[in-house]
């Protein structure tokens, strides 16, 4: 039976080597049961020998897939917003239809 280790909710410089040694010894499912971490951390802890290498890889991937200059549209849309947009599209269609039919 694997005992449950408590490492908090993220890797740190202090707990990296302990987590890495567990990741090297255990399969993913055993590692997940023992630590609560997911597959990504299991694979990266096995792959990188130091916390600095792990952080460098994570930062590089973060910048690659989520560039800082590109902002996501986080504005929340409401039903009224969608309804207003549909009304404006309908108006445009009716205007085009009336121009074409004349």
PDB file of N, CA and C in Angstrom:
ATOM      1  N   UNK A   1       0.843  -1.190   0.000  1.00  0.00           N
ATOM      2  CA  UNK A   1       0.000   0.000   0.000  1.00  0.00           C
ATOM      3  C   UNK A   1       0.882   1.244   0.000  1.00  0.00           C
ATOM      4  N   UNK A   2       0.558   2.176  -0.871  1.00  0.00           N
ATOM      5  CA  UNK A   2       1.328   3.408  -0.976  1.00  0.00           C
ATOM      6  C   UNK A   2       0.751   4.437  -0.008  1.00  0.00           C
ATOM      7  N   UNK A   3       1.622   5.049   0.779  1.00  0.00           N
ATOM      8  CA  UNK A   3       1.126   6.066   1.700  1.00  0.00           C
ATOM      9  C   UNK A   3       0.969   7.392   0.966  1.00  0.00           C
ATOM     10  N   UNK A   4       0.112   8.241   1.466  1.00  0.00           N
ATOM     11  CA  UNK A   4      -0.164   9.534   0.848  1.00  0.00           C
ATOM     12  C   UNK A   4       0.859  10.542   1.354  1.00  0.00           C
ATOM     13  N   UNK A   5       1.571  11.176   0.424  1.00  0.00           N
ATOM     14  CA  UNK A   5       2.544  12.202   0.771  1.00  0.00           C
ATOM     15  C   UNK A   5       1.881  13.560   0.601  1.00  0.00           C
ATOM     16  N   UNK A   6       2.238  14.486   1.440  1.00  0.00           N
ATOM     17  CA  UNK A   6       1.668  15.821   1.336  1.00  0.00           C
ATOM     18  C   UNK A   6       2.748  16.792   0.881  1.00  0.00           C
ATOM     19  N   UNK A   7       2.639  17.249  -0.363  1.00  0.00           N
ATOM     20  CA  UNK A   7       3.605  18.194  -0.921  1.00  0.00           C
ATOM     21  C   UNK A   7       2.961  19.547  -1.183  1.00  0.00           C
ATOM     22  N   UNK A   8       1.762  19.757  -0.723  1.00  0.00           N
ATOM     23  CA  UNK A   8       1.062  20.985  -1.068  1.00  0.00           C
ATOM     24  C   UNK A   8       0.465  20.833  -2.452  1.00  0.00           C
ATOM     25  N   UNK A   9       0.179  21.946  -3.082  1.00  0.00           N
ATOM     26  CA  UNK A   9      -0.476  21.861  -4.385  1.00  0.00           C
ATOM     27  C   UNK A   9       0.445  22.149  -5.565  1.00  0.00           C
ATOM     28  N   UNK A  10       1.741  22.351  -5.316  1.00  0.00           N
ATOM     29  CA  UNK A  10       2.642  22.574  -6.438  1.00  0.00           C
ATOM     30  C   UNK A  10       4.081  22.193  -6.104  1.00  0.00           C
ATOM     31  N   UNK A  11       4.855  22.051  -7.153  1.00  0.00           N
ATOM     32  CA  UNK A  11       6.266  21.742  -6.975  1.00  0.00           C
ATOM     33  C   UNK A  11       6.997  22.979  -6.467  1.00  0.00           C
ATOM     34  N   UNK A  12       8.016  22.759  -5.690  1.00  0.00           N
ATOM     35  CA  UNK A  12       8.872  23.848  -5.235  1.00  0.00           C
ATOM     36  C   UNK A  12      10.311  23.355  -5.235  1.00  0.00           C
ATOM     37  N   UNK A  13      11.211  24.279  -5.046  1.00  0.00           N
ATOM     38  CA  UNK A  13      12.622  23.920  -5.007  1.00  0.00           C
ATOM     39  C   UNK A  13      12.891  22.923  -3.881  1.00  0.00           C
ATOM     40  N   UNK A  14      12.160  23.084  -2.774  1.00  0.00           N
ATOM     41  CA  UNK A  14      12.376  22.237  -1.612  1.00  0.00           C
ATOM     42  C   UNK A  14      11.861  20.807  -1.808  1.00  0.00           C
ATOM     43  N   UNK A  15      10.762  20.641  -2.522  1.00  0.00           N
ATOM     44  CA  UNK A  15      10.185  19.298  -2.633  1.00  0.00           C
ATOM     45  C   UNK A  15      10.458  18.607  -3.973  1.00  0.00           C
ATOM     46  N   UNK A  16      11.173  19.268  -4.885  1.00  0.00           N
ATOM     47  CA  UNK A  16      11.369  18.704  -6.216  1.00  0.00           C
ATOM     48  C   UNK A  16      12.099  17.366  -6.193  1.00  0.00           C
ATOM     49  N   UNK A  17      13.195  17.273  -5.473  1.00  0.00           N
ATOM     50  CA  UNK A  17      13.982  16.033  -5.487  1.00  0.00           C
ATOM     51  C   UNK A  17      13.198  14.859  -4.892  1.00  0.00           C
ATOM     52  N   UNK A  18      12.427  15.113  -3.846  1.00  0.00           N
ATOM     53  CA  UNK A  18      11.611  14.044  -3.262  1.00  0.00           C
ATOM     54  C   UNK A  18      10.539  13.587  -4.247  1.00  0.00           C
ATOM     55  N   UNK A  19       9.915  14.535  -4.897  1.00  0.00           N
ATOM     56  CA  UNK A  19       8.888  14.192  -5.890  1.00  0.00           C
ATOM     57  C   UNK A  19       9.520  13.474  -7.079  1.00  0.00           C
ATOM     58  N   UNK A  20      10.695  13.925  -7.482  1.00  0.00           N
ATOM     59  CA  UNK A  20      11.382  13.279  -8.604  1.00  0.00           C
ATOM     60  C   UNK A  20      11.726  11.827  -8.278  1.00  0.00           C
ATOM     61  N   UNK A  21      12.204  11.580  -7.085  1.00  0.00           N
ATOM     62  CA  UNK A  21      12.551  10.196  -6.731  1.00  0.00           C
ATOM     63  C   UNK A  21      11.306   9.311  -6.693  1.00  0.00           C
ATOM     64  N   UNK A  22      10.180   9.852  -6.225  1.00  0.00           N
ATOM     65  CA  UNK A  22       8.932   9.084  -6.263  1.00  0.00           C
ATOM     66  C   UNK A  22       8.482   8.836  -7.704  1.00  0.00           C
ATOM     67  N   UNK A  23       8.595   9.854  -8.545  1.00  0.00           N
ATOM     68  CA  UNK A  23       8.165   9.716  -9.937  1.00  0.00           C
ATOM     69  C   UNK A  23       9.001   8.667 -10.668  1.00  0.00           C
ATOM     70  N   UNK A  24      10.276   8.590 -10.326  1.00  0.00           N
ATOM     71  CA  UNK A  24      11.136   7.597 -10.976  1.00  0.00           C
ATOM     72  C   UNK A  24      10.826   6.178 -10.498  1.00  0.00           C
ATOM     73  N   UNK A  25      10.359   6.035  -9.255  1.00  0.00           N
ATOM     74  CA  UNK A  25      10.081   4.713  -8.699  1.00  0.00           C
ATOM     75  C   UNK A  25       8.682   4.203  -9.023  1.00  0.00           C
ATOM     76  N   UNK A  26       7.719   5.117  -9.130  1.00  0.00           N
ATOM     77  CA  UNK A  26       6.316   4.720  -9.241  1.00  0.00           C
ATOM     78  C   UNK A  26       5.763   4.937 -10.647  1.00  0.00           C
ATOM     79  N   UNK A  27       4.765   4.143 -10.986  1.00  0.00           N
ATOM     80  CA  UNK A  27       4.031   4.388 -12.223  1.00  0.00           C
ATOM     81  C   UNK A  27       3.175   5.629 -12.017  1.00  0.00           C
ATOM     82  N   UNK A  28       2.596   6.138 -13.111  1.00  0.00           N
ATOM     83  CA  UNK A  28       1.783   7.343 -12.974  1.00  0.00           C
ATOM     84  C   UNK A  28       0.632   7.154 -11.999  1.00  0.00           C
ATOM     85  N   UNK A  29      -0.105   6.062 -12.122  1.00  0.00           N
ATOM     86  CA  UNK A  29      -1.275   5.875 -11.255  1.00  0.00           C
ATOM     87  C   UNK A  29      -0.849   5.777  -9.785  1.00  0.00           C
ATOM     88  N   UNK A  30       0.246   5.099  -9.502  1.00  0.00           N
ATOM     89  CA  UNK A  30       0.739   5.009  -8.124  1.00  0.00           C
ATOM     90  C   UNK A  30       1.201   6.384  -7.633  1.00  0.00           C
ATOM     91  N   UNK A  31       1.892   7.110  -8.513  1.00  0.00           N
ATOM     92  CA  UNK A  31       2.379   8.452  -8.182  1.00  0.00           C
ATOM     93  C   UNK A  31       1.211   9.387  -7.884  1.00  0.00           C
ATOM     94  N   UNK A  32       0.182   9.305  -8.711  1.00  0.00           N
ATOM     95  CA  UNK A  32      -0.990  10.155  -8.529  1.00  0.00           C
ATOM     96  C   UNK A  32      -1.681   9.850  -7.207  1.00  0.00           C
ATOM     97  N   UNK A  33      -1.835   8.571  -6.889  1.00  0.00           N
ATOM     98  CA  UNK A  33      -2.461   8.196  -5.611  1.00  0.00           C
ATOM     99  C   UNK A  33      -1.618   8.664  -4.426  1.00  0.00           C
ATOM    100  N   UNK A  34      -0.300   8.585  -4.564  1.00  0.00           N
ATOM    101  CA  UNK A  34       0.588   8.922  -3.454  1.00  0.00           C
ATOM    102  C   UNK A  34       0.733  10.430  -3.244  1.00  0.00           C
ATOM    103  N   UNK A  35       0.698  11.204  -4.329  1.00  0.00           N
ATOM    104  CA  UNK A  35       0.982  12.633  -4.195  1.00  0.00           C
ATOM    105  C   UNK A  35      -0.190  13.530  -4.549  1.00  0.00           C
ATOM    106  N   UNK A  36      -1.068  13.077  -5.433  1.00  0.00           N
ATOM    107  CA  UNK A  36      -2.167  13.923  -5.893  1.00  0.00           C
ATOM    108  C   UNK A  36      -1.808  14.739  -7.108  1.00  0.00           C
ATOM    109  N   UNK A  37      -0.563  14.656  -7.576  1.00  0.00           N
ATOM    110  CA  UNK A  37      -0.147  15.374  -8.777  1.00  0.00           C
ATOM    111  C   UNK A  37      -0.570  14.609 -10.022  1.00  0.00           C
ATOM    112  N   UNK A  38      -0.721  15.326 -11.126  1.00  0.00           N
ATOM    113  CA  UNK A  38      -1.159  14.716 -12.377  1.00  0.00           C
ATOM    114  C   UNK A  38      -0.016  14.201 -13.228  1.00  0.00           C
ATOM    115  N   UNK A  39      -0.387  13.754 -14.420  1.00  0.00           N
ATOM    116  CA  UNK A  39       0.558  13.140 -15.345  1.00  0.00           C
ATOM    117  C   UNK A  39       1.663  14.097 -15.780  1.00  0.00           C
ATOM    118  N   UNK A  40       1.323  15.363 -16.001  1.00  0.00           N
ATOM    119  CA  UNK A  40       2.330  16.323 -16.459  1.00  0.00           C
ATOM    120  C   UNK A  40       3.496  16.438 -15.501  1.00  0.00           C
ATOM    121  N   UNK A  41       3.200  16.552 -14.228  1.00  0.00           N
ATOM    122  CA  UNK A  41       4.266  16.683 -13.234  1.00  0.00           C
ATOM    123  C   UNK A  41       5.034  15.371 -13.108  1.00  0.00           C
ATOM    124  N   UNK A  42       4.340  14.259 -13.186  1.00  0.00           N
ATOM    125  CA  UNK A  42       5.005  12.952 -13.137  1.00  0.00           C
ATOM    126  C   UNK A  42       6.031  12.840 -14.262  1.00  0.00           C
ATOM    127  N   UNK A  43       5.618  13.157 -15.475  1.00  0.00           N
ATOM    128  CA  UNK A  43       6.507  13.042 -16.634  1.00  0.00           C
ATOM    129  C   UNK A  43       7.663  14.034 -16.572  1.00  0.00           C
ATOM    130  N   UNK A  44       7.375  15.297 -16.214  1.00  0.00           N
ATOM    131  CA  UNK A  44       8.439  16.302 -16.176  1.00  0.00           C
ATOM    132  C   UNK A  44       9.399  16.060 -15.027  1.00  0.00           C
ATOM    133  N   UNK A  45       8.917  15.598 -13.890  1.00  0.00           N
ATOM    134  CA  UNK A  45       9.811  15.315 -12.760  1.00  0.00           C
ATOM    135  C   UNK A  45      10.773  14.188 -13.127  1.00  0.00           C
ATOM    136  N   UNK A  46      10.286  13.222 -13.868  1.00  0.00           N
ATOM    137  CA  UNK A  46      11.170  12.130 -14.314  1.00  0.00           C
ATOM    138  C   UNK A  46      12.172  12.632 -15.346  1.00  0.00           C
ATOM    139  N   UNK A  47      11.746  13.578 -16.163  1.00  0.00           N
ATOM    140  CA  UNK A  47      12.561  14.046 -17.293  1.00  0.00           C
ATOM    141  C   UNK A  47      13.678  15.000 -16.879  1.00  0.00           C
ATOM    142  N   UNK A  48      13.404  15.908 -15.945  1.00  0.00           N
ATOM    143  CA  UNK A  48      14.377  16.943 -15.590  1.00  0.00           C
ATOM    144  C   UNK A  48      15.058  16.627 -14.269  1.00  0.00           C
ATOM    145  N   UNK A  49      16.387  16.798 -14.263  1.00  0.00           N
ATOM    146  CA  UNK A  49      17.159  16.426 -13.076  1.00  0.00           C
ATOM    147  C   UNK A  49      17.172  17.514 -12.010  1.00  0.00           C
ATOM    148  N   UNK A  50      16.859  18.748 -12.377  1.00  0.00           N
ATOM    149  CA  UNK A  50      16.866  19.823 -11.375  1.00  0.00           C
ATOM    150  C   UNK A  50      15.610  20.680 -11.490  1.00  0.00           C
ATOM    151  N   UNK A  51      15.304  21.341 -10.410  1.00  0.00           N
ATOM    152  CA  UNK A  51      14.131  22.209 -10.366  1.00  0.00           C
ATOM    153  C   UNK A  51      14.286  23.371 -11.347  1.00  0.00           C
ATOM    154  N   UNK A  52      15.517  23.881 -11.497  1.00  0.00           N
ATOM    155  CA  UNK A  52      15.759  24.986 -12.419  1.00  0.00           C
ATOM    156  C   UNK A  52      15.449  24.572 -13.858  1.00  0.00           C
ATOM    157  N   UNK A  53      15.846  23.359 -14.248  1.00  0.00           N
ATOM    158  CA  UNK A  53      15.546  22.868 -15.599  1.00  0.00           C
ATOM    159  C   UNK A  53      14.038  22.713 -15.797  1.00  0.00           C
ATOM    160  N   UNK A  54      13.378  22.220 -14.761  1.00  0.00           N
ATOM    161  CA  UNK A  54      11.923  22.056 -14.818  1.00  0.00           C
ATOM    162  C   UNK A  54      11.248  23.408 -15.005  1.00  0.00           C
ATOM    163  N   UNK A  55      11.650  24.410 -14.222  1.00  0.00           N
ATOM    164  CA  UNK A  55      11.046  25.738 -14.310  1.00  0.00           C
ATOM    165  C   UNK A  55      11.351  26.398 -15.659  1.00  0.00           C
ATOM    166  N   UNK A  56      12.569  26.207 -16.168  1.00  0.00           N
ATOM    167  CA  UNK A  56      12.944  26.787 -17.457  1.00  0.00           C
ATOM    168  C   UNK A  56      12.063  26.209 -18.563  1.00  0.00           C
ATOM    169  N   UNK A  57      11.857  24.901 -18.546  1.00  0.00           N
ATOM    170  CA  UNK A  57      11.006  24.240 -19.535  1.00  0.00           C
ATOM    171  C   UNK A  57       9.566  24.740 -19.424  1.00  0.00           C
ATOM    172  N   UNK A  58       9.068  24.837 -18.204  1.00  0.00           N
ATOM    173  CA  UNK A  58       7.695  25.286 -17.977  1.00  0.00           C
ATOM    174  C   UNK A  58       7.514  26.715 -18.472  1.00  0.00           C
ATOM    175  N   UNK A  59       8.486  27.578 -18.193  1.00  0.00           N
ATOM    176  CA  UNK A  59       8.403  28.977 -18.637  1.00  0.00           C
ATOM    177  C   UNK A  59       8.446  29.068 -20.153  1.00  0.00           C
ATOM    178  N   UNK A  60       9.329  28.300 -20.779  1.00  0.00           N
ATOM    179  CA  UNK A  60       9.442  28.316 -22.239  1.00  0.00           C
ATOM    180  C   UNK A  60       8.141  27.853 -22.883  1.00  0.00           C
ATOM    181  N   UNK A  61       7.577  26.773 -22.385  1.00  0.00           N
ATOM    182  CA  UNK A  61       6.311  26.274 -22.932  1.00  0.00           C
ATOM    183  C   UNK A  61       5.178  27.267 -22.700  1.00  0.00           C
ATOM    184  N   UNK A  62       5.182  27.885 -21.547  1.00  0.00           N
ATOM    185  CA  UNK A  62       4.151  28.862 -21.228  1.00  0.00           C
ATOM    186  C   UNK A  62       4.192  30.022 -22.224  1.00  0.00           C
ATOM    187  N   UNK A  63       5.383  30.514 -22.509  1.00  0.00           N
ATOM    188  CA  UNK A  63       5.529  31.625 -23.456  1.00  0.00           C
ATOM    189  C   UNK A  63       5.200  31.178 -24.872  1.00  0.00           C
ATOM    190  N   UNK A  64       5.503  29.933 -25.193  1.00  0.00           N
ATOM    191  CA  UNK A  64       5.245  29.414 -26.532  1.00  0.00           C
ATOM    192  C   UNK A  64       3.748  29.273 -26.800  1.00  0.00           C
ATOM    193  N   UNK A  65       3.024  28.704 -25.851  1.00  0.00           N
ATOM    194  CA  UNK A  65       1.612  28.421 -26.074  1.00  0.00           C
ATOM    195  C   UNK A  65       0.671  29.509 -25.571  1.00  0.00           C
ATOM    196  N   UNK A  66       1.136  30.347 -24.648  1.00  0.00           N
ATOM    197  CA  UNK A  66       0.305  31.429 -24.114  1.00  0.00           C
ATOM    198  C   UNK A  66       1.104  32.726 -24.106  1.00  0.00           C
ATOM    199  N   UNK A  67       1.354  33.304 -25.289  1.00  0.00           N
ATOM    200  CA  UNK A  67       2.168  34.524 -25.342  1.00  0.00           C
ATOM    201  C   UNK A  67       1.526  35.664 -24.553  1.00  0.00           C
ATOM    202  N   UNK A  68       2.366  36.456 -23.917  1.00  0.00           N
ATOM    203  CA  UNK A  68       1.876  37.537 -23.064  1.00  0.00           C
ATOM    204  C   UNK A  68       1.183  38.628 -23.861  1.00  0.00           C
ATOM    205  N   UNK A  69       1.619  38.885 -25.078  1.00  0.00           N
ATOM    206  CA  UNK A  69       1.034  39.944 -25.890  1.00  0.00           C
ATOM    207  C   UNK A  69      -0.378  39.638 -26.338  1.00  0.00           C
ATOM    208  N   UNK A  70      -0.680  38.386 -26.474  1.00  0.00           N
ATOM    209  CA  UNK A  70      -2.000  37.981 -26.957  1.00  0.00           C
ATOM    210  C   UNK A  70      -2.943  37.826 -25.775  1.00  0.00           C
ATOM    211  N   UNK A  71      -3.994  38.628 -25.763  1.00  0.00           N
ATOM    212  CA  UNK A  71      -4.957  38.555 -24.665  1.00  0.00           C
ATOM    213  C   UNK A  71      -6.195  37.815 -25.125  1.00  0.00           C
ATOM    214  N   UNK A  72      -6.688  37.000 -24.246  1.00  0.00           N
ATOM    215  CA  UNK A  72      -7.917  36.267 -24.548  1.00  0.00           C
ATOM    216  C   UNK A  72      -9.117  37.154 -24.284  1.00  0.00           C
ATOM    217  N   UNK A  73     -10.180  36.904 -25.027  1.00  0.00           N
ATOM    218  CA  UNK A  73     -11.414  37.635 -24.819  1.00  0.00           C
ATOM    219  C   UNK A  73     -12.089  37.067 -23.576  1.00  0.00           C
ATOM    220  N   UNK A  74     -11.933  37.791 -22.473  1.00  0.00           N
ATOM    221  CA  UNK A  74     -12.488  37.299 -21.217  1.00  0.00           C
ATOM    222  C   UNK A  74     -13.791  37.998 -20.859  1.00  0.00           C
ATOM    223  N   UNK A  75     -14.237  38.886 -21.737  1.00  0.00           N
ATOM    224  CA  UNK A  75     -15.487  39.585 -21.465  1.00  0.00           C
ATOM    225  C   UNK A  75     -16.640  38.597 -21.511  1.00  0.00           C
ATOM    226  N   UNK A  76     -17.483  38.668 -20.512  1.00  0.00           N
ATOM    227  CA  UNK A  76     -18.614  37.746 -20.440  1.00  0.00           C
ATOM    228  C   UNK A  76     -19.743  38.254 -21.315  1.00  0.00           C
ATOM    229  N   UNK A  77     -20.313  37.349 -22.075  1.00  0.00           N
ATOM    230  CA  UNK A  77     -21.442  37.677 -22.935  1.00  0.00           C
ATOM    231  C   UNK A  77     -22.723  37.257 -22.239  1.00  0.00           C
ATOM    232  N   UNK A  78     -23.756  38.079 -22.400  1.00  0.00           N
ATOM    233  CA  UNK A  78     -25.050  37.747 -21.820  1.00  0.00           C
ATOM    234  C   UNK A  78     -26.014  37.377 -22.932  1.00  0.00           C
ATOM    235  N   UNK A  79     -27.136  36.852 -22.561  1.00  0.00           N
ATOM    236  CA  UNK A  79     -28.170  36.505 -23.534  1.00  0.00           C
ATOM    237  C   UNK A  79     -28.611  37.765 -24.276  1.00  0.00           C
ATOM    238  N   UNK A  80     -28.715  38.880 -23.569  1.00  0.00           N
ATOM    239  CA  UNK A  80     -29.110  40.143 -24.205  1.00  0.00           C
ATOM    240  C   UNK A  80     -28.091  40.589 -25.251  1.00  0.00           C
ATOM    241  N   UNK A  81     -26.792  40.367 -24.981  1.00  0.00           N
ATOM    242  CA  UNK A  81     -25.756  40.705 -25.960  1.00  0.00           C
ATOM    243  C   UNK A  81     -25.940  39.892 -27.237  1.00  0.00           C
ATOM    244  N   UNK A  82     -26.181  38.612 -27.074  1.00  0.00           N
ATOM    245  CA  UNK A  82     -26.374  37.733 -28.229  1.00  0.00           C
ATOM    246  C   UNK A  82     -27.635  38.125 -28.985  1.00  0.00           C
ATOM    247  N   UNK A  83     -28.698  38.415 -28.265  1.00  0.00           N
ATOM    248  CA  UNK A  83     -29.957  38.805 -28.886  1.00  0.00           C
ATOM    249  C   UNK A  83     -29.781  40.106 -29.672  1.00  0.00           C
ATOM    250  N   UNK A  84     -29.075  41.074 -29.108  1.00  0.00           N
ATOM    251  CA  UNK A  84     -28.822  42.342 -29.799  1.00  0.00           C
ATOM    252  C   UNK A  84     -28.023  42.123 -31.078  1.00  0.00           C
ATOM    253  N   UNK A  85     -27.017  41.254 -30.993  1.00  0.00           N
ATOM    254  CA  UNK A  85     -26.198  40.956 -32.174  1.00  0.00           C
ATOM    255  C   UNK A  85     -27.040  40.297 -33.260  1.00  0.00           C
ATOM    256  N   UNK A  86     -27.903  39.369 -32.870  1.00  0.00           N
ATOM    257  CA  UNK A  86     -28.785  38.715 -33.840  1.00  0.00           C
ATOM    258  C   UNK A  86     -29.747  39.709 -34.481  1.00  0.00           C
ATOM    259  N   UNK A  87     -30.256  40.641 -33.699  1.00  0.00           N
ATOM    260  CA  UNK A  87     -31.143  41.674 -34.253  1.00  0.00           C
ATOM    261  C   UNK A  87     -30.420  42.530 -35.281  1.00  0.00           C
ATOM    262  N   UNK A  88     -29.170  42.893 -34.995  1.00  0.00           N
ATOM    263  CA  UNK A  88     -28.419  43.716 -35.946  1.00  0.00           C
ATOM    264  C   UNK A  88     -28.128  42.943 -37.224  1.00  0.00           C
ATOM    265  N   UNK A  89     -27.840  41.658 -37.107  1.00  0.00           N
ATOM    266  CA  UNK A  89     -27.614  40.834 -38.298  1.00  0.00           C
ATOM    267  C   UNK A  89     -28.904  40.728 -39.107  1.00  0.00           C
ATOM    268  N   UNK A  90     -30.015  40.532 -38.418  1.00  0.00           N
ATOM    269  CA  UNK A  90     -31.313  40.443 -39.106  1.00  0.00           C
ATOM    270  C   UNK A  90     -31.611  41.736 -39.858  1.00  0.00           C
ATOM    271  N   UNK A  91     -31.345  42.876 -39.234  1.00  0.00           N
ATOM    272  CA  UNK A  91     -31.580  44.171 -39.866  1.00  0.00           C
ATOM    273  C   UNK A  91     -30.725  44.316 -41.119  1.00  0.00           C
ATOM    274  N   UNK A  92     -29.458  43.915 -41.024  1.00  0.00           N
ATOM    275  CA  UNK A  92     -28.566  43.992 -42.186  1.00  0.00           C
ATOM    276  C   UNK A  92     -29.061  43.107 -43.322  1.00  0.00           C
ATOM    277  N   UNK A  93     -29.512  41.920 -43.001  1.00  0.00           N
ATOM    278  CA  UNK A  93     -30.025  40.990 -44.016  1.00  0.00           C
ATOM    279  C   UNK A  93     -31.249  41.566 -44.693  1.00  0.00           C
ATOM    280  N   UNK A  94     -32.160  42.135 -43.908  1.00  0.00           N
ATOM    281  CA  UNK A  94     -33.374  42.731 -44.483  1.00  0.00           C
ATOM    282  C   UNK A  94     -33.034  43.928 -45.379  1.00  0.00           C
ATOM    283  N   UNK A  95     -32.035  44.731 -44.995  1.00  0.00           N
ATOM    284  CA  UNK A  95     -31.607  45.853 -45.816  1.00  0.00           C
ATOM    285  C   UNK A  95     -31.030  45.367 -47.144  1.00  0.00           C
ATOM    286  N   UNK A  96     -30.200  44.352 -47.085  1.00  0.00           N
ATOM    287  CA  UNK A  96     -29.600  43.800 -48.296  1.00  0.00           C
ATOM    288  C   UNK A  96     -30.680  43.218 -49.194  1.00  0.00           C
ATOM    289  N   UNK A  97     -31.604  42.524 -48.606  1.00  0.00           N
ATOM    290  CA  UNK A  97     -32.714  41.904 -49.361  1.00  0.00           C
ATOM    291  C   UNK A  97     -33.560  42.977 -50.050  1.00  0.00           C
ATOM    292  N   UNK A  98     -33.842  44.067 -49.361  1.00  0.00           N
ATOM    293  CA  UNK A  98     -34.638  45.139 -49.972  1.00  0.00           C
ATOM    294  C   UNK A  98     -33.868  45.824 -51.090  1.00  0.00           C
ATOM    295  N   UNK A  99     -32.542  45.964 -50.964  1.00  0.00           N
ATOM    296  CA  UNK A  99     -31.736  46.572 -52.028  1.00  0.00           C
ATOM    297  C   UNK A  99     -31.688  45.673 -53.252  1.00  0.00           C
ATOM    298  N   UNK A 100     -31.579  44.376 -53.038  1.00  0.00           N
ATOM    299  CA  UNK A 100     -31.482  43.414 -54.141  1.00  0.00           C
ATOM    300  C   UNK A 100     -32.813  43.324 -54.883  1.00  0.00           C
ATOM    301  N   UNK A 101     -33.922  43.391 -54.167  1.00  0.00           N
ATOM    302  CA  UNK A 101     -35.226  43.223 -54.792  1.00  0.00           C
ATOM    303  C   UNK A 101     -35.648  44.464 -55.574  1.00  0.00           C
ATOM    304  N   UNK A 102     -35.048  45.620 -55.349  1.00  0.00           N
ATOM    305  CA  UNK A 102     -35.429  46.828 -56.104  1.00  0.00           C
ATOM    306  C   UNK A 102     -34.692  46.948 -57.354  1.00  0.00           C
TER     307      UNK A 102
END
